[in-house]
Protein backbone atom coordinates (compact mmCIF):
# COMPACT_ATOMS: atom_id res chain seq x y z
CA UNK A 1 0.00 0.00 0.00
CA UNK A 2 1.37 3.38 -1.01
CA UNK A 3 1.25 5.95 1.76
CA UNK A 4 0.27 9.34 0.41
CA UNK A 5 0.76 12.57 2.36
CA UNK A 6 -3.00 12.74 2.93
CA UNK A 7 -3.14 9.18 4.34
CA UNK A 8 -0.04 9.77 6.45
CA UNK A 9 -1.60 12.94 7.91
CA UNK A 10 -4.71 11.00 8.89
CA UNK A 11 -2.65 8.21 10.44
CA UNK A 12 -0.33 10.43 12.47
CA UNK A 13 -3.28 12.43 13.80
CA UNK A 14 -4.52 9.16 15.34
CA UNK A 15 -1.17 8.53 17.03
CA UNK A 16 -2.01 8.30 20.77
CA UNK A 17 0.82 10.55 22.03
CA UNK A 18 -0.32 13.26 19.61
CA UNK A 19 -3.92 12.92 20.68
CA UNK A 20 -2.79 13.11 24.30
CA UNK A 21 -0.71 16.22 23.68
CA UNK A 22 -3.36 17.94 21.56
CA UNK A 23 -1.06 18.00 18.51
CA UNK A 24 -2.51 18.05 15.01
CA UNK A 25 -0.74 17.75 11.65
CA UNK A 26 -2.75 20.09 9.45
CA UNK A 27 -0.97 19.84 6.11
CA UNK A 28 1.67 17.83 4.26
CA UNK A 29 2.63 18.91 0.75
CA UNK A 30 2.24 16.41 -2.09
CA UNK A 31 6.03 16.37 -2.55
CA UNK A 32 6.73 15.64 1.16
CA UNK A 33 8.79 18.85 1.54
CA UNK A 34 6.52 20.84 3.84
CA UNK A 35 4.45 19.99 6.90
CA UNK A 36 2.30 22.22 9.12
CA UNK A 37 1.61 21.15 12.70
CA UNK A 38 -0.30 22.89 15.49
CA UNK A 39 -1.30 22.51 19.11
CA UNK A 40 -4.21 24.10 20.90
CA UNK A 41 -3.98 24.80 24.63
CA UNK A 42 -5.94 22.21 26.59
CA UNK A 43 -6.20 21.40 30.28
CA UNK A 44 -4.13 18.27 29.69
CA UNK A 45 -1.19 19.90 27.87
CA UNK A 46 -0.53 22.90 30.08
CA UNK A 47 2.18 23.22 32.67
CA UNK A 48 2.06 24.26 36.33
CA UNK A 49 1.86 27.96 35.44
CA UNK A 50 -0.91 27.55 32.87
CA UNK A 51 1.04 27.84 29.61
CA UNK A 52 2.03 25.27 27.00
CA UNK A 53 3.99 22.38 28.50
CA UNK A 54 7.54 22.36 27.10
CA UNK A 55 7.48 18.63 26.41
CA UNK A 56 4.39 19.06 24.27
CA UNK A 57 6.00 21.96 22.38
CA UNK A 58 8.90 19.68 21.52
CA UNK A 59 6.72 16.63 20.79
CA UNK A 60 4.78 18.74 18.30
CA UNK A 61 7.82 19.00 16.01
CA UNK A 62 9.88 15.97 17.03
CA UNK A 63 9.44 13.23 14.40
CA UNK A 64 8.64 15.20 11.28
CA UNK A 65 12.02 16.03 9.77
CA UNK A 66 13.14 12.42 10.04
CA UNK A 67 9.88 11.13 8.56
CA UNK A 68 9.89 13.63 5.68
CA UNK A 69 13.53 12.91 4.87
CA UNK A 70 12.83 9.18 4.88
CA UNK A 71 10.17 9.77 2.21
CA UNK A 72 12.31 12.14 0.18
CA UNK A 73 15.50 10.07 0.22
CA UNK A 74 13.92 6.64 -0.05
CA UNK A 75 15.09 3.24 1.09
CA UNK A 76 18.69 3.78 -0.05
CA UNK A 77 19.41 5.91 3.04
CA UNK A 78 19.55 5.49 6.78
CA UNK A 79 17.80 8.43 8.43
CA UNK A 80 17.79 8.85 12.22
CA UNK A 81 17.20 11.61 14.72
CA UNK A 82 20.60 12.38 16.23
CA UNK A 83 19.95 15.23 18.63
CA UNK A 84 17.72 18.16 19.41
CA UNK A 85 17.88 21.33 21.41
CA UNK A 86 14.90 23.49 22.27
CA UNK A 87 15.04 27.11 23.31
CA UNK A 88 11.90 28.42 25.00
CA UNK A 89 11.51 32.05 23.97
CA UNK A 90 8.14 33.11 25.33
CA UNK A 91 5.32 31.43 27.25
CA UNK A 92 1.93 31.28 25.57
CA UNK A 93 -1.60 30.08 26.13
CA UNK A 94 -2.61 30.58 22.49
CA UNK A 95 -2.69 28.02 19.71
CA UNK A 96 0.84 27.38 18.45
CA UNK A 97 2.05 26.20 15.05
CA UNK A 98 5.20 25.22 13.22
CA UNK A 99 5.98 24.96 9.54
CA UNK A 100 8.64 22.38 8.74
CA UNK A 101 10.30 22.69 5.35
CA UNK A 102 13.02 20.77 3.56
CA UNK A 103 14.56 22.93 0.85
CA UNK A 104 16.19 21.79 -2.39
CA UNK A 105 19.54 22.98 -0.99
CA UNK A 106 19.09 20.69 2.04
CA UNK A 107 18.57 17.64 -0.19
CA UNK A 108 21.47 18.57 -2.47
CA UNK A 109 23.79 18.93 0.55
CA UNK A 110 22.64 15.64 2.07
CA UNK A 111 23.15 13.72 -1.19
CA UNK A 112 26.53 15.33 -1.85
CA UNK A 113 27.85 14.60 1.65
CA UNK A 114 26.62 10.98 1.64
CA UNK A 115 27.45 10.00 -1.96
CA UNK A 116 30.49 7.96 -0.86
CA UNK A 117 28.70 6.26 2.03
CA UNK A 118 29.83 8.82 4.60
CA UNK A 119 27.50 9.89 7.36
CA UNK A 120 26.17 13.44 7.35
CA UNK A 121 24.62 15.37 10.20
CA UNK A 122 22.00 17.64 8.66
CA UNK A 123 20.94 20.59 10.83
CA UNK A 124 17.51 22.20 10.73
CA UNK A 125 15.89 25.02 12.70
CA UNK A 126 12.16 24.86 13.42
CA UNK A 127 10.30 27.84 14.85
CA UNK A 128 7.10 27.56 16.85
CA UNK A 129 4.87 30.63 16.76
CA UNK A 130 1.57 31.49 18.41
CA UNK A 131 -1.64 32.87 16.90
CA UNK A 132 -0.17 36.40 17.05
CA UNK A 133 2.94 35.22 15.15
CA UNK A 134 5.06 35.66 18.30
CA UNK A 135 8.08 33.35 18.47
CA UNK A 136 7.44 30.83 21.28
CA UNK A 137 10.23 28.29 20.81
CA UNK A 138 13.09 27.42 18.49
CA UNK A 139 14.21 23.83 17.97
CA UNK A 140 17.48 22.79 16.40
CA UNK A 141 17.26 19.23 15.06
CA UNK A 142 20.27 17.24 13.90
CA UNK A 143 19.44 14.34 11.60
CA UNK A 144 21.93 11.53 10.89
CA UNK A 145 21.90 10.49 7.22
CA UNK A 146 24.00 7.87 5.48
CA UNK A 147 23.62 6.14 2.14
CA UNK A 148 23.23 2.39 2.53
CA UNK A 149 25.81 0.06 1.08
CA UNK A 150 24.08 -2.59 -0.97
CA UNK A 151 25.09 -6.24 -0.60
CA UNK A 152 26.32 -6.45 -4.22
CA UNK A 153 28.58 -3.42 -3.68
CA UNK A 154 29.79 -4.84 -0.38
CA UNK A 155 30.73 -8.24 -1.89
CA UNK A 156 32.54 -6.55 -4.81
CA UNK A 157 34.65 -4.53 -2.39
CA UNK A 158 35.68 -7.61 -0.37
C-alpha atoms as a PDB file:
ATOM      1  CA  UNK A   1       0.000   0.000   0.000  1.00  0.00           C
ATOM      2  CA  UNK A   2       1.375   3.382  -1.011  1.00  0.00           C
ATOM      3  CA  UNK A   3       1.251   5.948   1.755  1.00  0.00           C
ATOM      4  CA  UNK A   4       0.271   9.344   0.415  1.00  0.00           C
ATOM      5  CA  UNK A   5       0.760  12.571   2.365  1.00  0.00           C
ATOM      6  CA  UNK A   6      -2.996  12.736   2.931  1.00  0.00           C
ATOM      7  CA  UNK A   7      -3.142   9.181   4.343  1.00  0.00           C
ATOM      8  CA  UNK A   8      -0.039   9.770   6.454  1.00  0.00           C
ATOM      9  CA  UNK A   9      -1.598  12.937   7.909  1.00  0.00           C
ATOM     10  CA  UNK A  10      -4.708  10.997   8.889  1.00  0.00           C
ATOM     11  CA  UNK A  11      -2.648   8.206  10.440  1.00  0.00           C
ATOM     12  CA  UNK A  12      -0.334  10.433  12.471  1.00  0.00           C
ATOM     13  CA  UNK A  13      -3.279  12.433  13.800  1.00  0.00           C
ATOM     14  CA  UNK A  14      -4.525   9.156  15.341  1.00  0.00           C
ATOM     15  CA  UNK A  15      -1.165   8.526  17.034  1.00  0.00           C
ATOM     16  CA  UNK A  16      -2.011   8.305  20.769  1.00  0.00           C
ATOM     17  CA  UNK A  17       0.823  10.554  22.030  1.00  0.00           C
ATOM     18  CA  UNK A  18      -0.318  13.258  19.606  1.00  0.00           C
ATOM     19  CA  UNK A  19      -3.923  12.916  20.683  1.00  0.00           C
ATOM     20  CA  UNK A  20      -2.786  13.106  24.296  1.00  0.00           C
ATOM     21  CA  UNK A  21      -0.710  16.224  23.682  1.00  0.00           C
ATOM     22  CA  UNK A  22      -3.362  17.937  21.563  1.00  0.00           C
ATOM     23  CA  UNK A  23      -1.061  17.995  18.510  1.00  0.00           C
ATOM     24  CA  UNK A  24      -2.515  18.055  15.005  1.00  0.00           C
ATOM     25  CA  UNK A  25      -0.741  17.753  11.654  1.00  0.00           C
ATOM     26  CA  UNK A  26      -2.752  20.093   9.452  1.00  0.00           C
ATOM     27  CA  UNK A  27      -0.969  19.840   6.114  1.00  0.00           C
ATOM     28  CA  UNK A  28       1.668  17.831   4.264  1.00  0.00           C
ATOM     29  CA  UNK A  29       2.630  18.905   0.754  1.00  0.00           C
ATOM     30  CA  UNK A  30       2.236  16.409  -2.087  1.00  0.00           C
ATOM     31  CA  UNK A  31       6.032  16.367  -2.550  1.00  0.00           C
ATOM     32  CA  UNK A  32       6.730  15.639   1.161  1.00  0.00           C
ATOM     33  CA  UNK A  33       8.790  18.852   1.538  1.00  0.00           C
ATOM     34  CA  UNK A  34       6.523  20.837   3.842  1.00  0.00           C
ATOM     35  CA  UNK A  35       4.451  19.988   6.895  1.00  0.00           C
ATOM     36  CA  UNK A  36       2.297  22.218   9.123  1.00  0.00           C
ATOM     37  CA  UNK A  37       1.612  21.149  12.704  1.00  0.00           C
ATOM     38  CA  UNK A  38      -0.303  22.889  15.493  1.00  0.00           C
ATOM     39  CA  UNK A  39      -1.296  22.509  19.108  1.00  0.00           C
ATOM     40  CA  UNK A  40      -4.212  24.104  20.898  1.00  0.00           C
ATOM     41  CA  UNK A  41      -3.980  24.795  24.629  1.00  0.00           C
ATOM     42  CA  UNK A  42      -5.944  22.206  26.589  1.00  0.00           C
ATOM     43  CA  UNK A  43      -6.196  21.403  30.278  1.00  0.00           C
ATOM     44  CA  UNK A  44      -4.128  18.270  29.689  1.00  0.00           C
ATOM     45  CA  UNK A  45      -1.189  19.904  27.870  1.00  0.00           C
ATOM     46  CA  UNK A  46      -0.531  22.901  30.085  1.00  0.00           C
ATOM     47  CA  UNK A  47       2.184  23.216  32.670  1.00  0.00           C
ATOM     48  CA  UNK A  48       2.061  24.260  36.331  1.00  0.00           C
ATOM     49  CA  UNK A  49       1.863  27.962  35.445  1.00  0.00           C
ATOM     50  CA  UNK A  50      -0.913  27.547  32.872  1.00  0.00           C
ATOM     51  CA  UNK A  51       1.041  27.844  29.615  1.00  0.00           C
ATOM     52  CA  UNK A  52       2.029  25.268  27.001  1.00  0.00           C
ATOM     53  CA  UNK A  53       3.994  22.377  28.502  1.00  0.00           C
ATOM     54  CA  UNK A  54       7.544  22.357  27.101  1.00  0.00           C
ATOM     55  CA  UNK A  55       7.481  18.629  26.413  1.00  0.00           C
ATOM     56  CA  UNK A  56       4.391  19.062  24.267  1.00  0.00           C
ATOM     57  CA  UNK A  57       5.998  21.962  22.384  1.00  0.00           C
ATOM     58  CA  UNK A  58       8.899  19.678  21.525  1.00  0.00           C
ATOM     59  CA  UNK A  59       6.721  16.630  20.788  1.00  0.00           C
ATOM     60  CA  UNK A  60       4.775  18.735  18.304  1.00  0.00           C
ATOM     61  CA  UNK A  61       7.821  19.004  16.009  1.00  0.00           C
ATOM     62  CA  UNK A  62       9.879  15.968  17.030  1.00  0.00           C
ATOM     63  CA  UNK A  63       9.438  13.229  14.397  1.00  0.00           C
ATOM     64  CA  UNK A  64       8.640  15.199  11.281  1.00  0.00           C
ATOM     65  CA  UNK A  65      12.016  16.031   9.769  1.00  0.00           C
ATOM     66  CA  UNK A  66      13.135  12.424  10.040  1.00  0.00           C
ATOM     67  CA  UNK A  67       9.882  11.128   8.558  1.00  0.00           C
ATOM     68  CA  UNK A  68       9.886  13.633   5.678  1.00  0.00           C
ATOM     69  CA  UNK A  69      13.531  12.906   4.867  1.00  0.00           C
ATOM     70  CA  UNK A  70      12.830   9.177   4.878  1.00  0.00           C
ATOM     71  CA  UNK A  71      10.169   9.768   2.214  1.00  0.00           C
ATOM     72  CA  UNK A  72      12.314  12.144   0.179  1.00  0.00           C
ATOM     73  CA  UNK A  73      15.505  10.072   0.221  1.00  0.00           C
ATOM     74  CA  UNK A  74      13.917   6.637  -0.053  1.00  0.00           C
ATOM     75  CA  UNK A  75      15.095   3.243   1.089  1.00  0.00           C
ATOM     76  CA  UNK A  76      18.690   3.777  -0.047  1.00  0.00           C
ATOM     77  CA  UNK A  77      19.410   5.914   3.037  1.00  0.00           C
ATOM     78  CA  UNK A  78      19.550   5.494   6.785  1.00  0.00           C
ATOM     79  CA  UNK A  79      17.800   8.434   8.431  1.00  0.00           C
ATOM     80  CA  UNK A  80      17.788   8.849  12.223  1.00  0.00           C
ATOM     81  CA  UNK A  81      17.196  11.615  14.716  1.00  0.00           C
ATOM     82  CA  UNK A  82      20.601  12.385  16.225  1.00  0.00           C
ATOM     83  CA  UNK A  83      19.947  15.228  18.629  1.00  0.00           C
ATOM     84  CA  UNK A  84      17.722  18.162  19.407  1.00  0.00           C
ATOM     85  CA  UNK A  85      17.876  21.327  21.412  1.00  0.00           C
ATOM     86  CA  UNK A  86      14.903  23.487  22.267  1.00  0.00           C
ATOM     87  CA  UNK A  87      15.037  27.108  23.307  1.00  0.00           C
ATOM     88  CA  UNK A  88      11.902  28.416  25.001  1.00  0.00           C
ATOM     89  CA  UNK A  89      11.512  32.046  23.966  1.00  0.00           C
ATOM     90  CA  UNK A  90       8.137  33.110  25.325  1.00  0.00           C
ATOM     91  CA  UNK A  91       5.321  31.432  27.255  1.00  0.00           C
ATOM     92  CA  UNK A  92       1.927  31.283  25.569  1.00  0.00           C
ATOM     93  CA  UNK A  93      -1.603  30.079  26.126  1.00  0.00           C
ATOM     94  CA  UNK A  94      -2.611  30.585  22.492  1.00  0.00           C
ATOM     95  CA  UNK A  95      -2.694  28.024  19.708  1.00  0.00           C
ATOM     96  CA  UNK A  96       0.840  27.385  18.452  1.00  0.00           C
ATOM     97  CA  UNK A  97       2.047  26.205  15.055  1.00  0.00           C
ATOM     98  CA  UNK A  98       5.198  25.219  13.224  1.00  0.00           C
ATOM     99  CA  UNK A  99       5.982  24.955   9.540  1.00  0.00           C
ATOM    100  CA  UNK A 100       8.641  22.376   8.744  1.00  0.00           C
ATOM    101  CA  UNK A 101      10.305  22.694   5.346  1.00  0.00           C
ATOM    102  CA  UNK A 102      13.024  20.773   3.563  1.00  0.00           C
ATOM    103  CA  UNK A 103      14.559  22.930   0.846  1.00  0.00           C
ATOM    104  CA  UNK A 104      16.191  21.789  -2.387  1.00  0.00           C
ATOM    105  CA  UNK A 105      19.539  22.979  -0.986  1.00  0.00           C
ATOM    106  CA  UNK A 106      19.086  20.688   2.036  1.00  0.00           C
ATOM    107  CA  UNK A 107      18.572  17.643  -0.187  1.00  0.00           C
ATOM    108  CA  UNK A 108      21.475  18.566  -2.470  1.00  0.00           C
ATOM    109  CA  UNK A 109      23.788  18.929   0.553  1.00  0.00           C
ATOM    110  CA  UNK A 110      22.643  15.638   2.067  1.00  0.00           C
ATOM    111  CA  UNK A 111      23.151  13.718  -1.187  1.00  0.00           C
ATOM    112  CA  UNK A 112      26.534  15.331  -1.849  1.00  0.00           C
ATOM    113  CA  UNK A 113      27.852  14.605   1.653  1.00  0.00           C
ATOM    114  CA  UNK A 114      26.620  10.985   1.637  1.00  0.00           C
ATOM    115  CA  UNK A 115      27.453   9.999  -1.956  1.00  0.00           C
ATOM    116  CA  UNK A 116      30.493   7.957  -0.864  1.00  0.00           C
ATOM    117  CA  UNK A 117      28.695   6.263   2.025  1.00  0.00           C
ATOM    118  CA  UNK A 118      29.830   8.824   4.598  1.00  0.00           C
ATOM    119  CA  UNK A 119      27.504   9.893   7.358  1.00  0.00           C
ATOM    120  CA  UNK A 120      26.166  13.436   7.346  1.00  0.00           C
ATOM    121  CA  UNK A 121      24.623  15.369  10.196  1.00  0.00           C
ATOM    122  CA  UNK A 122      22.002  17.642   8.656  1.00  0.00           C
ATOM    123  CA  UNK A 123      20.940  20.587  10.831  1.00  0.00           C
ATOM    124  CA  UNK A 124      17.514  22.201  10.733  1.00  0.00           C
ATOM    125  CA  UNK A 125      15.893  25.015  12.703  1.00  0.00           C
ATOM    126  CA  UNK A 126      12.159  24.860  13.419  1.00  0.00           C
ATOM    127  CA  UNK A 127      10.299  27.836  14.851  1.00  0.00           C
ATOM    128  CA  UNK A 128       7.099  27.565  16.849  1.00  0.00           C
ATOM    129  CA  UNK A 129       4.868  30.630  16.761  1.00  0.00           C
ATOM    130  CA  UNK A 130       1.572  31.493  18.406  1.00  0.00           C
ATOM    131  CA  UNK A 131      -1.644  32.871  16.902  1.00  0.00           C
ATOM    132  CA  UNK A 132      -0.170  36.403  17.047  1.00  0.00           C
ATOM    133  CA  UNK A 133       2.938  35.224  15.155  1.00  0.00           C
ATOM    134  CA  UNK A 134       5.055  35.658  18.297  1.00  0.00           C
ATOM    135  CA  UNK A 135       8.082  33.346  18.472  1.00  0.00           C
ATOM    136  CA  UNK A 136       7.442  30.830  21.282  1.00  0.00           C
ATOM    137  CA  UNK A 137      10.229  28.294  20.810  1.00  0.00           C
ATOM    138  CA  UNK A 138      13.086  27.424  18.491  1.00  0.00           C
ATOM    139  CA  UNK A 139      14.211  23.828  17.968  1.00  0.00           C
ATOM    140  CA  UNK A 140      17.479  22.786  16.404  1.00  0.00           C
ATOM    141  CA  UNK A 141      17.264  19.234  15.062  1.00  0.00           C
ATOM    142  CA  UNK A 142      20.266  17.242  13.900  1.00  0.00           C
ATOM    143  CA  UNK A 143      19.440  14.338  11.601  1.00  0.00           C
ATOM    144  CA  UNK A 144      21.932  11.535  10.891  1.00  0.00           C
ATOM    145  CA  UNK A 145      21.896  10.486   7.225  1.00  0.00           C
ATOM    146  CA  UNK A 146      24.004   7.868   5.483  1.00  0.00           C
ATOM    147  CA  UNK A 147      23.616   6.144   2.144  1.00  0.00           C
ATOM    148  CA  UNK A 148      23.229   2.386   2.525  1.00  0.00           C
ATOM    149  CA  UNK A 149      25.806   0.063   1.080  1.00  0.00           C
ATOM    150  CA  UNK A 150      24.081  -2.594  -0.970  1.00  0.00           C
ATOM    151  CA  UNK A 151      25.087  -6.243  -0.603  1.00  0.00           C
ATOM    152  CA  UNK A 152      26.323  -6.448  -4.215  1.00  0.00           C
ATOM    153  CA  UNK A 153      28.585  -3.420  -3.683  1.00  0.00           C
ATOM    154  CA  UNK A 154      29.793  -4.842  -0.376  1.00  0.00           C
ATOM    155  CA  UNK A 155      30.727  -8.242  -1.888  1.00  0.00           C
ATOM    156  CA  UNK A 156      32.537  -6.548  -4.806  1.00  0.00           C
ATOM    157  CA  UNK A 157      34.653  -4.531  -2.390  1.00  0.00           C
ATOM    158  CA  UNK A 158      35.678  -7.613  -0.370  1.00  0.00           C
END
